[in-house]
C-alpha cells in the first residue's frame, strides 16, 4: 500500500528517533555521573605555609662596557 518514497521516509524517521533516544540516554548518563555527593562536613584543606627568606642580594650580569657588533665577529 505504501509507495517506496513513504517507506523510505518512514525508515529515516525511525532512524532519527533511534538516534534521538540514544542521545537522550547518553545525556541522562552524563547527568547522573556528574552529580557530586553531598559532604557531611565542610572540608577544610590545609594550605602549605611558606616561610620567607631574608632578602637576597640582587645579582647583576657581568657585561663589559664595550658594545658588541655582529660585523666585527669572525666567521666560523
Protein backbone atom coordinates (compact mmCIF):
# COMPACT_ATOMS: atom_id res chain seq x y z
CA UNK A 1 0.00 0.00 0.00
CA UNK A 2 2.92 2.34 0.77
CA UNK A 3 4.86 3.79 -2.04
CA UNK A 4 8.64 3.40 -1.97
CA UNK A 5 9.03 7.07 -1.06
CA UNK A 6 6.81 6.73 2.01
CA UNK A 7 8.67 3.59 3.07
CA UNK A 8 11.99 5.38 2.69
CA UNK A 9 10.77 8.40 4.68
CA UNK A 10 9.43 6.14 7.45
CA UNK A 11 12.83 4.44 7.69
CA UNK A 12 14.52 7.84 8.03
CA UNK A 13 12.06 8.87 10.76
CA UNK A 14 12.65 5.61 12.67
CA UNK A 15 16.42 6.05 12.40
CA UNK A 16 16.21 9.65 13.62
CA UNK A 17 14.01 8.58 16.54
CA UNK A 18 16.60 5.93 17.47
CA UNK A 19 19.43 8.49 17.40
CA UNK A 20 17.43 10.97 19.48
CA UNK A 21 16.67 8.32 22.12
CA UNK A 22 20.31 7.24 22.13
CA UNK A 23 21.49 10.83 22.66
CA UNK A 24 18.95 11.36 25.44
CA UNK A 25 20.19 8.22 27.18
CA UNK A 26 23.78 9.48 26.89
CA UNK A 27 22.80 12.88 28.33
CA UNK A 28 20.98 11.20 31.21
CA UNK A 29 24.02 9.04 31.88
CA UNK A 30 26.31 12.08 31.89
CA UNK A 31 23.94 13.94 34.22
CA UNK A 32 23.72 11.05 36.69
CA UNK A 33 27.50 10.61 36.87
CA UNK A 34 28.29 14.31 37.06
CA UNK A 35 26.40 14.94 40.27
CA UNK A 36 28.64 15.18 43.31
CA UNK A 37 27.68 13.54 46.55
CA UNK A 38 26.93 15.94 49.38
CA UNK A 39 29.62 16.11 52.03
CA UNK A 40 28.59 15.52 55.63
CA UNK A 41 31.01 18.11 56.96
CA UNK A 42 32.72 21.01 55.29
CA UNK A 43 36.17 20.09 54.10
CA UNK A 44 38.98 22.44 55.12
CA UNK A 45 42.08 21.90 53.06
CA UNK A 46 45.30 22.82 54.78
CA UNK A 47 47.47 25.00 52.65
CA UNK A 48 51.23 24.80 52.75
CA UNK A 49 52.59 27.58 54.87
CA UNK A 50 55.67 29.05 53.27
CA UNK A 51 58.40 30.89 55.08
CA UNK A 52 60.00 33.94 53.54
CA UNK A 53 63.80 34.03 53.45
CA UNK A 54 65.84 37.11 54.20
CA UNK A 55 66.42 39.48 51.34
CA UNK A 56 68.84 38.10 48.82
CA UNK A 57 71.36 40.38 47.15
CA UNK A 58 70.46 41.49 43.66
CA UNK A 59 72.61 39.68 41.14
CA UNK A 60 73.93 41.78 38.28
CA UNK A 61 75.07 40.37 34.98
CA UNK A 62 78.75 40.78 34.23
CA UNK A 63 78.53 42.73 30.97
CA UNK A 64 81.53 44.68 29.84
CA UNK A 65 81.28 48.36 28.95
CA UNK A 66 82.01 47.70 25.25
CA UNK A 67 79.10 47.18 22.94
CA UNK A 68 79.10 44.12 20.71
CA UNK A 69 78.88 44.41 16.93
CA UNK A 70 78.00 41.41 14.77
CA UNK A 71 80.07 42.76 11.86
CA UNK A 72 83.27 42.59 13.89
CA UNK A 73 82.81 38.93 14.75
CA UNK A 74 84.89 36.42 12.81
CA UNK A 75 83.05 33.79 10.76
CA UNK A 76 83.28 30.23 11.98
